[in-house]
Amino acid sequence: MKNFNSHVAKLFGLAKPLKLFFFLLIFMAAYTTSSAHGVQTAWCWAPDGEHVRVYIEHWHGPGQDVDCGAGATINVSVAINGEAPITYNNIPFNEN
């Protein structure tokens, strides 16, 4: 099958453009992955007991403007499939 695909690509003149496309795709994926980050993460089991919920918090700006000291809490609102959000208040905040 590999030889067939390479012959088809050469037949239509796609070998070099495909190599360039995949090189750029891998390059961009690596760059995107390396620049992504979260400030705080948390997880828990969903009420059904089969799924895991993951929360990733992220913000920009000076850290000193946000009081995240010991004993700080955050409020999280979760909306699923456009339904009314459920709010969880006073979740302990742990700065990593």
N, C-alpha and C. Protein backbone atom coordinates (compact mmCIF):
# COMPACT_ATOMS: atom_id res chain seq x y z
N MET A 1 0.83 -1.20 0.00
CA MET A 1 0.00 0.00 0.00
C MET A 1 0.87 1.25 0.00
N LYS A 2 2.01 1.20 0.70
CA LYS A 2 2.90 2.35 0.77
C LYS A 2 3.40 2.72 -0.62
N ASN A 3 3.84 1.73 -1.39
CA ASN A 3 4.33 2.01 -2.74
C ASN A 3 3.23 2.58 -3.61
N PHE A 4 2.01 2.06 -3.47
CA PHE A 4 0.90 2.57 -4.25
C PHE A 4 0.66 4.04 -3.96
N ASN A 5 0.63 4.41 -2.67
CA ASN A 5 0.40 5.80 -2.29
C ASN A 5 1.51 6.71 -2.80
N SER A 6 2.77 6.26 -2.71
CA SER A 6 3.86 7.11 -3.18
C SER A 6 3.81 7.25 -4.69
N HIS A 7 3.42 6.20 -5.40
CA HIS A 7 3.30 6.31 -6.86
C HIS A 7 2.17 7.25 -7.24
N VAL A 8 1.06 7.19 -6.52
CA VAL A 8 -0.07 8.09 -6.81
C VAL A 8 0.34 9.53 -6.54
N ALA A 9 1.04 9.78 -5.43
CA ALA A 9 1.48 11.14 -5.11
C ALA A 9 2.43 11.67 -6.17
N LYS A 10 3.36 10.83 -6.61
CA LYS A 10 4.30 11.26 -7.66
C LYS A 10 3.56 11.49 -8.96
N LEU A 11 2.59 10.64 -9.25
CA LEU A 11 1.83 10.76 -10.49
C LEU A 11 1.14 12.11 -10.58
N PHE A 12 0.58 12.56 -9.49
CA PHE A 12 -0.13 13.84 -9.49
C PHE A 12 0.76 15.00 -9.06
N GLY A 13 2.04 14.77 -8.87
CA GLY A 13 2.96 15.83 -8.50
C GLY A 13 2.75 16.36 -7.09
N LEU A 14 2.30 15.51 -6.19
CA LEU A 14 1.98 15.95 -4.83
C LEU A 14 3.05 15.60 -3.81
N ALA A 15 4.08 14.88 -4.18
CA ALA A 15 5.06 14.41 -3.20
C ALA A 15 5.71 15.57 -2.45
N LYS A 16 6.24 16.55 -3.14
CA LYS A 16 6.92 17.67 -2.47
C LYS A 16 5.94 18.55 -1.70
N PRO A 17 4.80 18.92 -2.30
CA PRO A 17 3.85 19.73 -1.52
C PRO A 17 3.34 19.02 -0.26
N LEU A 18 3.14 17.70 -0.34
CA LEU A 18 2.68 16.97 0.84
C LEU A 18 3.74 16.95 1.92
N LYS A 19 4.99 16.77 1.54
CA LYS A 19 6.08 16.80 2.53
C LYS A 19 6.15 18.16 3.21
N LEU A 20 6.03 19.22 2.42
CA LEU A 20 6.06 20.58 2.98
C LEU A 20 4.86 20.79 3.90
N PHE A 21 3.68 20.34 3.47
CA PHE A 21 2.48 20.50 4.29
C PHE A 21 2.65 19.81 5.65
N PHE A 22 3.11 18.56 5.64
CA PHE A 22 3.27 17.83 6.89
C PHE A 22 4.37 18.43 7.76
N PHE A 23 5.44 18.93 7.15
CA PHE A 23 6.48 19.59 7.92
C PHE A 23 5.92 20.82 8.62
N LEU A 24 5.18 21.65 7.88
CA LEU A 24 4.59 22.86 8.47
C LEU A 24 3.56 22.51 9.54
N LEU A 25 2.78 21.48 9.30
CA LEU A 25 1.78 21.06 10.27
C LEU A 25 2.44 20.64 11.59
N ILE A 26 3.48 19.84 11.50
CA ILE A 26 4.19 19.40 12.70
C ILE A 26 4.87 20.58 13.39
N PHE A 27 5.46 21.47 12.60
CA PHE A 27 6.13 22.65 13.17
C PHE A 27 5.13 23.52 13.92
N MET A 28 3.97 23.79 13.32
CA MET A 28 2.97 24.64 13.96
C MET A 28 2.37 23.96 15.20
N ALA A 29 2.16 22.66 15.14
CA ALA A 29 1.62 21.94 16.29
C ALA A 29 2.60 22.00 17.46
N ALA A 30 3.87 21.86 17.18
CA ALA A 30 4.88 21.92 18.24
C ALA A 30 4.92 23.31 18.85
N TYR A 31 4.83 24.35 18.04
CA TYR A 31 4.86 25.72 18.54
C TYR A 31 3.63 26.01 19.39
N THR A 32 2.46 25.60 18.92
CA THR A 32 1.23 25.84 19.67
C THR A 32 1.26 25.12 21.01
N THR A 33 1.71 23.90 21.01
CA THR A 33 1.74 23.13 22.24
C THR A 33 2.70 23.74 23.25
N SER A 34 3.82 24.22 22.78
CA SER A 34 4.82 24.74 23.70
C SER A 34 4.43 26.09 24.30
N SER A 35 3.51 26.81 23.67
CA SER A 35 3.14 28.12 24.20
C SER A 35 1.84 28.08 25.01
N ALA A 36 1.20 26.94 25.10
CA ALA A 36 -0.05 26.84 25.86
C ALA A 36 0.26 26.62 27.33
N HIS A 37 -0.57 27.19 28.19
CA HIS A 37 -0.36 27.01 29.62
C HIS A 37 -1.64 27.31 30.39
N GLY A 38 -1.72 26.80 31.58
CA GLY A 38 -2.80 27.09 32.49
C GLY A 38 -2.20 27.58 33.79
N VAL A 39 -2.92 28.40 34.52
CA VAL A 39 -2.41 28.94 35.77
C VAL A 39 -2.71 27.99 36.92
N GLN A 40 -3.91 27.43 36.92
CA GLN A 40 -4.27 26.47 37.96
C GLN A 40 -5.13 25.40 37.32
N THR A 41 -4.93 24.17 37.73
CA THR A 41 -5.75 23.08 37.23
C THR A 41 -6.36 22.33 38.41
N ALA A 42 -7.50 21.73 38.15
CA ALA A 42 -8.17 20.89 39.15
C ALA A 42 -8.96 19.83 38.40
N TRP A 43 -9.27 18.73 39.07
CA TRP A 43 -10.08 17.69 38.46
C TRP A 43 -10.95 17.05 39.52
N CYS A 44 -12.03 16.42 39.06
CA CYS A 44 -12.89 15.66 39.96
C CYS A 44 -13.68 14.66 39.13
N TRP A 45 -14.28 13.69 39.79
CA TRP A 45 -15.15 12.75 39.10
C TRP A 45 -16.50 13.42 38.87
N ALA A 46 -17.07 13.22 37.69
CA ALA A 46 -18.41 13.72 37.39
C ALA A 46 -19.42 12.94 38.22
N PRO A 47 -20.64 13.49 38.41
CA PRO A 47 -21.64 12.80 39.23
C PRO A 47 -21.96 11.37 38.76
N ASP A 48 -21.78 11.08 37.48
CA ASP A 48 -22.08 9.73 37.00
C ASP A 48 -21.02 8.72 37.42
N GLY A 49 -19.88 9.19 37.93
CA GLY A 49 -18.83 8.30 38.40
C GLY A 49 -17.99 7.67 37.30
N GLU A 50 -18.28 7.99 36.05
CA GLU A 50 -17.55 7.39 34.93
C GLU A 50 -16.65 8.38 34.20
N HIS A 51 -16.91 9.65 34.34
CA HIS A 51 -16.16 10.67 33.61
C HIS A 51 -15.38 11.55 34.58
N VAL A 52 -14.34 12.15 34.06
CA VAL A 52 -13.52 13.06 34.85
C VAL A 52 -13.74 14.47 34.32
N ARG A 53 -13.93 15.42 35.22
CA ARG A 53 -14.02 16.83 34.84
C ARG A 53 -12.68 17.49 35.13
N VAL A 54 -12.21 18.28 34.18
CA VAL A 54 -10.93 18.97 34.33
C VAL A 54 -11.20 20.47 34.20
N TYR A 55 -10.70 21.24 35.15
CA TYR A 55 -10.84 22.69 35.13
C TYR A 55 -9.45 23.29 34.95
N ILE A 56 -9.32 24.19 34.00
CA ILE A 56 -8.05 24.89 33.78
C ILE A 56 -8.33 26.38 33.85
N GLU A 57 -7.72 27.02 34.82
CA GLU A 57 -7.91 28.46 34.99
C GLU A 57 -6.73 29.19 34.38
N HIS A 58 -7.02 30.32 33.77
CA HIS A 58 -5.97 31.07 33.08
C HIS A 58 -6.31 32.56 33.12
N TRP A 59 -5.34 33.37 33.37
CA TRP A 59 -5.54 34.82 33.29
C TRP A 59 -4.24 35.48 32.89
N HIS A 60 -4.36 36.72 32.45
CA HIS A 60 -3.20 37.52 32.09
C HIS A 60 -3.18 38.77 32.96
N GLY A 61 -2.03 39.32 33.15
CA GLY A 61 -1.90 40.54 33.93
C GLY A 61 -0.98 40.32 35.10
N PRO A 62 -0.66 41.41 35.80
CA PRO A 62 0.25 41.31 36.93
C PRO A 62 -0.32 40.43 38.04
N GLY A 63 0.50 39.52 38.53
CA GLY A 63 0.06 38.62 39.60
C GLY A 63 -0.22 39.34 40.90
N GLN A 64 0.45 40.46 41.14
CA GLN A 64 0.25 41.15 42.41
C GLN A 64 -1.11 41.82 42.51
N ASP A 65 -1.83 41.95 41.38
CA ASP A 65 -3.17 42.53 41.42
C ASP A 65 -4.23 41.51 41.86
N VAL A 66 -3.86 40.26 41.96
CA VAL A 66 -4.79 39.21 42.33
C VAL A 66 -4.35 38.64 43.67
N ASP A 67 -5.23 38.71 44.67
CA ASP A 67 -4.89 38.17 45.98
C ASP A 67 -5.15 36.67 45.98
N CYS A 68 -4.11 35.90 45.85
CA CYS A 68 -4.22 34.44 45.82
C CYS A 68 -3.47 33.83 46.97
N GLY A 69 -3.46 34.51 48.09
CA GLY A 69 -2.70 34.02 49.23
C GLY A 69 -3.35 32.81 49.88
N ALA A 70 -2.77 32.39 50.98
CA ALA A 70 -3.27 31.23 51.71
C ALA A 70 -4.71 31.46 52.14
N GLY A 71 -5.55 30.47 51.96
CA GLY A 71 -6.95 30.57 52.36
C GLY A 71 -7.84 31.22 51.33
N ALA A 72 -7.30 31.62 50.18
CA ALA A 72 -8.11 32.24 49.14
C ALA A 72 -9.04 31.21 48.51
N THR A 73 -10.17 31.68 48.00
CA THR A 73 -11.13 30.79 47.33
C THR A 73 -11.50 31.38 45.99
N ILE A 74 -12.03 30.53 45.11
CA ILE A 74 -12.53 30.99 43.81
C ILE A 74 -13.94 30.46 43.63
N ASN A 75 -14.69 31.10 42.74
CA ASN A 75 -16.02 30.65 42.36
C ASN A 75 -15.95 30.16 40.92
N VAL A 76 -16.55 29.02 40.64
CA VAL A 76 -16.52 28.43 39.31
C VAL A 76 -17.94 28.23 38.83
N SER A 77 -18.24 28.71 37.62
CA SER A 77 -19.54 28.48 36.98
C SER A 77 -19.34 27.51 35.83
N VAL A 78 -20.19 26.49 35.76
CA VAL A 78 -20.09 25.47 34.72
C VAL A 78 -21.40 25.42 33.96
N ALA A 79 -21.34 25.63 32.65
CA ALA A 79 -22.52 25.52 31.79
C ALA A 79 -22.26 24.40 30.79
N ILE A 80 -23.17 23.45 30.70
CA ILE A 80 -23.01 22.30 29.81
C ILE A 80 -24.11 22.32 28.77
N ASN A 81 -23.71 22.26 27.51
CA ASN A 81 -24.65 22.22 26.39
C ASN A 81 -25.67 23.35 26.42
N GLY A 82 -25.24 24.54 26.80
CA GLY A 82 -26.10 25.71 26.77
C GLY A 82 -27.12 25.79 27.90
N GLU A 83 -27.07 24.87 28.84
CA GLU A 83 -28.01 24.91 29.96
C GLU A 83 -27.59 25.99 30.95
N ALA A 84 -28.47 26.29 31.89
CA ALA A 84 -28.16 27.30 32.91
C ALA A 84 -26.92 26.86 33.68
N PRO A 85 -26.02 27.79 33.95
CA PRO A 85 -24.78 27.41 34.64
C PRO A 85 -25.02 27.02 36.10
N ILE A 86 -24.20 26.10 36.56
CA ILE A 86 -24.18 25.72 37.97
C ILE A 86 -22.95 26.39 38.56
N THR A 87 -23.11 27.07 39.69
CA THR A 87 -22.00 27.79 40.30
C THR A 87 -21.56 27.09 41.58
N TYR A 88 -20.26 26.89 41.67
CA TYR A 88 -19.64 26.32 42.87
C TYR A 88 -18.86 27.44 43.53
N ASN A 89 -19.24 27.81 44.74
CA ASN A 89 -18.63 28.93 45.44
C ASN A 89 -17.59 28.46 46.46
N ASN A 90 -16.63 29.35 46.71
CA ASN A 90 -15.63 29.17 47.76
C ASN A 90 -14.82 27.88 47.63
N ILE A 91 -14.36 27.61 46.42
CA ILE A 91 -13.47 26.47 46.19
C ILE A 91 -12.07 26.90 46.62
N PRO A 92 -11.40 26.13 47.47
CA PRO A 92 -10.05 26.52 47.92
C PRO A 92 -9.10 26.71 46.74
N PHE A 93 -8.35 27.77 46.78
CA PHE A 93 -7.41 28.12 45.71
C PHE A 93 -6.00 27.82 46.19
N ASN A 94 -5.28 27.03 45.42
CA ASN A 94 -3.89 26.71 45.73
C ASN A 94 -3.03 27.16 44.58
N GLU A 95 -2.22 28.16 44.79
CA GLU A 95 -1.35 28.67 43.72
C GLU A 95 -0.15 27.75 43.59
N ASN A 96 0.09 27.27 42.36
CA ASN A 96 1.22 26.37 42.12
C ASN A 96 2.41 27.12 41.61
